[in-house]
Amino acid sequence: MEKIFNPIKIKNVTFQNRVVMAPMVNFGVPSGEDGIMSTELLQHYIKRATTGIGLMICQSLSVSSRAMVSGSMGAYSDTHIGYLRTLSEECHKSGTKFFAQLAYHGTAFHNGGTINNLSESDLEEIKNYFVRAIKICKDAGCDGIELHGAHGFFLNMIASPQSNRLENRYSGDISGRLCLIKEIIEDAKQFTGENFIIAYRMGWSETLETDIATAKILESIGIDLVHVSSGIPVDRKLPIPVDFDFNDIVYTGSQVKKNVDIPLIVVNNIQTLRRGNYLIENNLCDFVAYGRPFLADATFMKSSLKDFDYKSCFNCKNCKWFVNGENCPAQIREKSAL
């Protein structure tokens, strides 16, 4: 049996395989009101939750009502426990584990945002937002959470020397820039226990050496699982060996993997289970995450079990999902075949 189908255990949580549905925003799908996920969006996730995935991570949820952006859902109130419990229960019916991705919305590096106007007390308040959100997710029956520290968003900006010019304990060297994350983890681990995973989606930095150093600190402060993706800077080109048939984001993850003992997820343009299995078999990662393949075809997992080279996404030059998923050619083909 291919290794991508092997189970893996983190703490007391066992994942039935190494396939991850990555967090992806569903543009064009009504999101809901008051931070509660809409019926349409719930159905989007439920359709994919019943296909035998090892882990599903939902799109980022805001940890504060003060930091909501258009189309975002929340994990900042007990009123959000209901939809999170529904997602958890639907995943568990087919053995899939469910994580909620958590973020402090409204501040992004690529939109010219800044964190440098925040005081130490502001950051302490934001820390408490994250801790409260983690408690809400645990009470809802989630198997874990993923702190969103990638793609130029808030936690990525805190961790990056390119965006963090604060003059307090949350700045300075790598340890200082990761201090907020350390405090979130310390407070959360007062109640999470061994049956709940705290993961971190790590955005790359200006150098691979900094990425490795960052991941080592994340491991030392209690992160259970690291998920490597792009970050700040937006584009970074690495010299990749000619025989490495994946992109620089996956390469970054594979190099970080060599330097940490905690499990690691790689993501970005992996496309098929065969390609993902290659990464697992060669010990370049522990999990493989797929985003657009699951957007293009809700049954990507089941279809791939029949054809290990199944590729659902057409890799359009301008992905239609970033405007409205209803215009995705793969979705249109699927509907026309019904």
Protein backbone atom coordinates (compact mmCIF):
# COMPACT_ATOMS: atom_id res chain seq x y z
CA MET A 1 0.00 0.00 0.00
CA GLU A 2 1.26 3.49 -0.85
CA LYS A 3 2.55 5.37 2.18
CA ILE A 4 0.22 8.33 1.64
CA PHE A 5 -2.54 6.00 2.89
CA ASN A 6 -0.68 5.01 6.06
CA PRO A 7 -2.14 6.29 9.34
CA ILE A 8 -0.09 8.65 11.51
CA LYS A 9 -0.50 9.57 15.17
CA ILE A 10 0.22 12.95 16.75
CA LYS A 11 -0.19 12.97 20.54
CA ASN A 12 -3.39 10.93 21.05
CA VAL A 13 -4.89 11.86 17.66
CA THR A 14 -4.66 9.28 14.87
CA PHE A 15 -5.11 10.38 11.25
CA GLN A 16 -6.35 7.66 8.92
CA ASN A 17 -4.07 8.79 6.08
CA ARG A 18 -1.70 11.62 5.08
CA VAL A 19 -4.06 13.48 2.69
CA VAL A 20 -5.02 17.00 3.81
CA MET A 21 -7.66 19.29 2.35
CA ALA A 22 -5.92 22.65 2.61
CA PRO A 23 -7.69 25.79 3.83
CA MET A 24 -9.08 27.66 0.82
CA VAL A 25 -11.46 30.64 0.68
CA ASN A 26 -14.59 29.89 -1.32
CA PHE A 27 -15.14 33.08 -3.27
CA GLY A 28 -18.63 33.56 -4.61
CA VAL A 29 -20.25 31.29 -2.01
CA PRO A 30 -22.38 33.18 0.54
CA SER A 31 -20.43 33.10 3.79
CA GLY A 32 -23.16 33.80 6.32
CA GLU A 33 -23.99 36.41 8.93
CA ASP A 34 -22.59 37.29 12.36
CA GLY A 35 -19.59 35.06 11.72
CA ILE A 36 -21.76 31.93 11.39
CA MET A 37 -21.08 29.81 8.31
CA SER A 38 -23.89 29.81 5.74
CA THR A 39 -25.79 26.65 4.77
CA GLU A 40 -24.27 26.83 1.27
CA LEU A 41 -20.73 26.96 2.63
CA LEU A 42 -21.39 24.21 5.16
CA GLN A 43 -22.57 21.99 2.32
CA HIS A 44 -19.38 22.73 0.39
CA TYR A 45 -17.35 21.33 3.29
CA ILE A 46 -19.71 18.45 4.08
CA LYS A 47 -19.54 17.18 0.49
CA ARG A 48 -15.77 16.86 0.88
CA ALA A 49 -15.79 15.68 4.50
CA THR A 50 -17.36 12.36 3.59
CA THR A 51 -14.71 11.23 1.10
CA GLY A 52 -12.09 9.70 3.39
CA ILE A 53 -9.60 12.56 3.77
CA GLY A 54 -7.11 12.26 6.62
CA LEU A 55 -7.45 15.90 7.68
CA MET A 56 -9.68 18.78 6.62
CA ILE A 57 -8.64 22.34 7.50
CA CYS A 58 -11.30 24.98 6.95
CA GLN A 59 -10.65 28.47 5.61
CA SER A 60 -9.44 30.98 8.17
CA LEU A 61 -11.86 32.07 10.89
CA SER A 62 -11.60 35.44 12.60
CA VAL A 63 -10.70 35.36 16.28
CA SER A 64 -12.29 38.77 16.90
CA SER A 65 -15.42 40.63 15.84
CA ARG A 66 -13.21 43.71 15.61
CA ALA A 67 -11.13 42.17 12.85
CA MET A 68 -13.80 40.84 10.53
CA VAL A 69 -13.45 41.31 6.78
CA SER A 70 -16.07 40.85 4.10
CA GLY A 71 -17.01 37.20 3.75
CA SER A 72 -15.25 35.95 6.88
CA MET A 73 -16.59 33.56 9.48
CA GLY A 74 -15.72 33.63 13.15
CA ALA A 75 -14.60 31.68 16.17
CA TYR A 76 -14.98 34.45 18.70
CA SER A 77 -18.34 33.66 20.30
CA ASP A 78 -20.16 30.64 21.72
CA THR A 79 -22.70 31.20 18.94
CA HIS A 80 -20.05 29.80 16.57
CA ILE A 81 -19.79 26.47 18.37
CA GLY A 82 -22.82 25.12 16.49
CA TYR A 83 -21.48 25.28 12.94
CA LEU A 84 -18.02 24.15 14.05
CA ARG A 85 -19.57 21.17 15.82
CA THR A 86 -21.49 20.30 12.65
CA LEU A 87 -18.29 20.34 10.61
CA SER A 88 -16.45 18.24 13.20
CA GLU A 89 -19.22 15.65 13.40
CA GLU A 90 -19.57 15.36 9.62
CA CYS A 91 -15.83 14.81 9.25
CA HIS A 92 -15.77 12.23 12.01
CA LYS A 93 -18.46 10.15 10.30
CA SER A 94 -15.88 9.12 7.68
CA GLY A 95 -12.86 9.10 10.00
CA THR A 96 -11.58 12.51 8.91
CA LYS A 97 -10.03 14.83 11.48
CA PHE A 98 -11.08 18.48 11.42
CA PHE A 99 -9.03 21.60 12.22
CA ALA A 100 -10.23 25.20 12.20
CA GLN A 101 -7.71 27.68 10.88
CA LEU A 102 -7.57 30.80 13.06
CA ALA A 103 -6.47 34.28 12.04
CA TYR A 104 -6.65 37.89 13.12
CA HIS A 105 -8.26 39.34 10.02
CA GLY A 106 -8.04 42.81 8.56
CA THR A 107 -4.26 43.28 8.42
CA ALA A 108 -2.20 42.02 5.47
CA PHE A 109 1.29 42.83 4.26
CA HIS A 110 0.35 42.64 0.57
CA ASN A 111 -2.37 45.25 1.12
CA GLY A 112 0.02 47.69 2.72
CA GLY A 113 -1.09 46.85 6.25
CA THR A 114 1.02 47.44 9.33
CA ILE A 115 1.31 45.98 12.80
CA ASN A 116 3.69 48.65 14.04
CA ASN A 117 0.96 50.88 15.45
CA LEU A 118 -0.01 48.21 17.99
CA SER A 119 0.97 48.62 21.63
CA GLU A 120 2.05 45.81 23.90
CA SER A 121 -1.39 45.85 25.54
CA ASP A 122 -3.02 45.65 22.08
CA LEU A 123 -1.01 42.54 21.32
CA GLU A 124 -1.85 40.99 24.68
CA GLU A 125 -5.52 41.53 23.88
CA ILE A 126 -5.09 39.87 20.48
CA LYS A 127 -3.34 36.96 22.20
CA ASN A 128 -6.41 36.53 24.39
CA TYR A 129 -8.62 36.52 21.27
CA PHE A 130 -6.65 33.60 19.88
CA VAL A 131 -6.76 31.68 23.16
CA ARG A 132 -10.52 32.18 23.43
CA ALA A 133 -10.96 31.01 19.82
CA ILE A 134 -8.95 27.86 20.53
CA LYS A 135 -11.21 27.12 23.52
CA ILE A 136 -14.31 27.59 21.33
CA CYS A 137 -12.90 25.17 18.75
CA LYS A 138 -12.10 22.58 21.40
CA ASP A 139 -15.58 22.90 22.91
CA ALA A 140 -17.02 22.38 19.42
CA GLY A 141 -15.28 19.02 19.08
CA CYS A 142 -12.53 20.05 16.64
CA ASP A 143 -9.47 17.82 16.64
CA GLY A 144 -7.20 20.83 16.57
CA ILE A 145 -6.58 24.29 15.18
CA GLU A 146 -4.10 25.81 12.78
CA LEU A 147 -2.71 29.26 13.54
CA HIS A 148 -2.46 31.12 10.22
CA GLY A 149 1.07 32.47 10.13
CA ALA A 150 1.49 32.54 6.35
CA HIS A 151 0.59 34.48 3.17
CA GLY A 152 1.45 37.87 4.64
CA PHE A 153 -1.36 37.93 7.20
CA PHE A 154 -1.20 39.07 10.81
CA LEU A 155 0.85 36.34 12.52
CA ASN A 156 3.13 36.17 9.48
CA MET A 157 3.72 39.93 9.84
CA ILE A 158 4.53 39.52 13.52
CA ALA A 159 7.08 36.79 12.70
CA SER A 160 8.75 38.58 9.78
CA PRO A 161 11.65 41.03 10.18
CA GLN A 162 10.43 42.74 7.00
CA SER A 163 7.18 43.85 8.65
CA ASN A 164 7.83 43.77 12.41
CA ARG A 165 9.31 47.08 13.58
CA LEU A 166 7.72 46.99 17.01
CA GLU A 167 9.69 48.17 20.02
CA ASN A 168 8.54 45.76 22.71
CA ARG A 169 8.91 42.12 23.69
CA TYR A 170 7.11 41.00 20.52
CA SER A 171 9.93 42.17 18.24
CA GLY A 172 13.67 41.94 17.73
CA ASP A 173 15.27 38.57 16.95
CA ILE A 174 13.36 35.44 15.89
CA SER A 175 12.53 34.50 19.47
CA GLY A 176 11.09 37.96 20.12
CA ARG A 177 9.06 37.93 16.92
CA LEU A 178 7.62 34.52 17.86
CA CYS A 179 6.88 35.61 21.44
CA LEU A 180 3.19 36.25 20.74
CA ILE A 181 2.79 32.76 19.28
CA LYS A 182 4.65 31.31 22.26
CA GLU A 183 2.27 33.03 24.69
CA ILE A 184 -0.80 31.87 22.74
CA ILE A 185 0.43 28.29 22.91
CA GLU A 186 1.34 28.46 26.60
CA ASP A 187 -2.12 29.75 27.54
CA ALA A 188 -3.94 27.34 25.23
CA LYS A 189 -2.09 24.31 26.53
CA GLN A 190 -3.59 24.98 29.94
CA PHE A 191 -6.79 23.36 28.62
CA THR A 192 -6.13 21.60 25.29
CA GLY A 193 -4.60 18.32 26.50
CA GLU A 194 -3.29 15.37 24.53
CA ASN A 195 -6.38 14.91 22.35
CA PHE A 196 -6.11 18.30 20.65
CA ILE A 197 -3.48 19.46 18.13
CA ILE A 198 -2.07 22.97 17.84
CA ALA A 199 -0.69 23.41 14.32
CA TYR A 200 0.94 26.41 12.69
CA ARG A 201 0.89 27.41 9.04
CA MET A 202 4.31 28.94 8.59
CA GLY A 203 5.03 31.41 5.81
CA TRP A 204 8.49 31.37 4.33
CA SER A 205 10.88 34.23 5.14
CA GLU A 206 13.68 35.97 3.28
CA THR A 207 16.02 32.94 3.53
CA LEU A 208 15.77 29.19 3.95
CA GLU A 209 18.07 29.45 6.97
CA THR A 210 15.55 31.72 8.70
CA ASP A 211 12.74 29.30 7.81
CA ILE A 212 14.59 26.44 9.46
CA ALA A 213 15.41 28.53 12.54
CA THR A 214 11.76 29.61 12.79
CA ALA A 215 10.49 26.04 12.56
CA LYS A 216 12.92 24.91 15.27
CA ILE A 217 11.64 27.59 17.63
CA LEU A 218 8.02 26.72 16.81
CA GLU A 219 8.80 23.13 17.76
CA SER A 220 10.52 24.20 20.99
CA ILE A 221 7.56 26.36 22.11
CA GLY A 222 5.04 23.57 21.68
CA ILE A 223 3.68 23.54 18.12
CA ASP A 224 2.55 19.97 17.37
CA LEU A 225 2.42 20.18 13.56
CA VAL A 226 3.88 22.69 11.09
CA HIS A 227 2.42 23.48 7.65
CA VAL A 228 4.87 25.28 5.35
CA SER A 229 3.59 27.72 2.73
CA SER A 230 4.51 31.06 1.15
CA GLY A 231 4.88 34.21 3.22
CA ILE A 232 6.88 37.43 3.27
CA PRO A 233 8.35 38.21 0.75
CA VAL A 234 5.51 37.40 -1.62
CA ASP A 235 7.90 35.88 -4.17
CA ARG A 236 11.11 34.09 -3.33
CA LYS A 237 13.12 32.02 -5.75
CA LEU A 238 15.37 29.28 -4.48
CA PRO A 239 17.93 27.22 -6.37
CA ILE A 240 16.11 23.90 -6.61
CA PRO A 241 17.86 20.65 -7.63
CA VAL A 242 17.08 19.73 -11.23
CA ASP A 243 15.67 16.37 -10.16
CA PHE A 244 13.19 17.96 -7.68
CA ASP A 245 9.90 17.96 -9.59
CA PHE A 246 8.03 20.39 -7.33
CA ASN A 247 8.04 24.14 -6.71
CA ASP A 248 9.95 26.32 -4.26
CA ILE A 249 7.21 26.22 -1.62
CA VAL A 250 7.30 22.42 -1.49
CA TYR A 251 11.10 22.51 -1.57
CA THR A 252 11.14 24.86 1.42
CA GLY A 253 8.93 22.45 3.35
CA SER A 254 11.12 19.49 2.43
CA GLN A 255 14.21 21.25 3.77
CA VAL A 256 12.48 22.32 6.98
CA LYS A 257 11.40 18.69 7.45
CA LYS A 258 15.06 17.64 7.72
CA ASN A 259 15.57 19.92 10.70
CA VAL A 260 12.56 19.31 12.97
CA ASP A 261 11.11 16.28 14.72
CA ILE A 262 7.47 17.37 14.65
CA PRO A 263 5.32 16.25 11.68
CA LEU A 264 5.19 18.56 8.66
CA ILE A 265 2.65 19.33 5.92
CA VAL A 266 3.71 20.46 2.44
CA VAL A 267 1.37 22.21 0.02
CA ASN A 268 1.13 23.95 -3.36
CA ASN A 269 0.64 22.56 -6.86
CA ILE A 270 1.17 18.92 -5.89
CA GLN A 271 -1.89 18.02 -7.98
CA THR A 272 -2.10 14.22 -7.70
CA LEU A 273 -1.91 11.54 -5.03
CA ARG A 274 0.95 9.88 -6.89
CA ARG A 275 3.06 13.02 -6.62
CA GLY A 276 2.08 13.41 -2.99
CA ASN A 277 2.97 9.80 -2.28
CA TYR A 278 6.45 10.39 -3.74
CA LEU A 279 7.02 13.13 -1.16
CA ILE A 280 5.87 10.88 1.70
CA GLU A 281 7.89 7.87 0.54
CA ASN A 282 11.05 9.94 0.28
CA ASN A 283 10.57 11.37 3.79
CA LEU A 284 10.20 14.92 2.46
CA CYS A 285 7.05 15.50 4.54
CA ASP A 286 4.51 13.70 6.73
CA PHE A 287 1.28 15.05 5.18
CA VAL A 288 0.42 16.38 1.73
CA ALA A 289 -2.15 19.17 1.41
CA TYR A 290 -4.28 19.79 -1.68
CA GLY A 291 -6.27 22.99 -2.23
CA ARG A 292 -7.51 23.54 -5.77
CA PRO A 293 -7.92 19.80 -6.50
CA PHE A 294 -10.61 19.67 -3.78
CA LEU A 295 -12.18 22.90 -5.02
CA ALA A 296 -12.34 21.58 -8.57
CA ASP A 297 -13.80 18.21 -7.55
CA ALA A 298 -15.48 17.46 -4.22
CA THR A 299 -14.76 13.77 -4.86
CA PHE A 300 -11.05 14.30 -5.59
CA MET A 301 -10.11 11.74 -2.92
CA LYS A 302 -12.48 9.04 -4.17
CA SER A 303 -11.59 9.68 -7.82
CA SER A 304 -7.88 9.44 -6.98
CA LEU A 305 -8.38 6.04 -5.35
CA LYS A 306 -9.49 4.79 -8.77
CA ASP A 307 -6.75 6.64 -10.67
CA PHE A 308 -3.60 7.54 -8.72
CA ASP A 309 -2.72 10.09 -11.41
CA TYR A 310 -6.16 11.75 -11.39
CA LYS A 311 -5.84 15.53 -11.83
CA SER A 312 -9.06 17.46 -11.18
CA CYS A 313 -7.80 21.03 -11.53
CA PHE A 314 -7.22 22.44 -15.04
CA ASN A 315 -4.50 24.83 -13.78
CA CYS A 316 -6.10 27.80 -15.50
CA LYS A 317 -3.74 30.76 -15.86
CA ASN A 318 -6.22 32.93 -13.97
CA CYS A 319 -7.95 30.72 -11.41
CA LYS A 320 -11.69 31.36 -11.50
CA TRP A 321 -12.04 30.48 -7.83
CA PHE A 322 -10.47 33.80 -6.86
CA VAL A 323 -13.55 35.51 -8.27
CA ASN A 324 -16.36 32.97 -8.23
CA GLY A 325 -16.00 29.20 -8.01
CA GLU A 326 -19.17 28.76 -10.08
CA ASN A 327 -17.05 29.78 -13.09
CA CYS A 328 -14.42 27.07 -12.53
CA PRO A 329 -14.19 25.04 -15.79
CA ALA A 330 -13.78 21.82 -13.80
CA GLN A 331 -16.98 22.59 -11.88
CA ILE A 332 -18.82 23.40 -15.08
CA ARG A 333 -17.67 20.09 -16.61
CA GLU A 334 -18.77 18.18 -13.51
CA LYS A 335 -22.24 19.76 -13.54
CA SER A 336 -22.71 19.18 -17.27
CA ALA A 337 -21.91 15.49 -16.76
CA LEU A 338 -24.71 15.06 -14.21
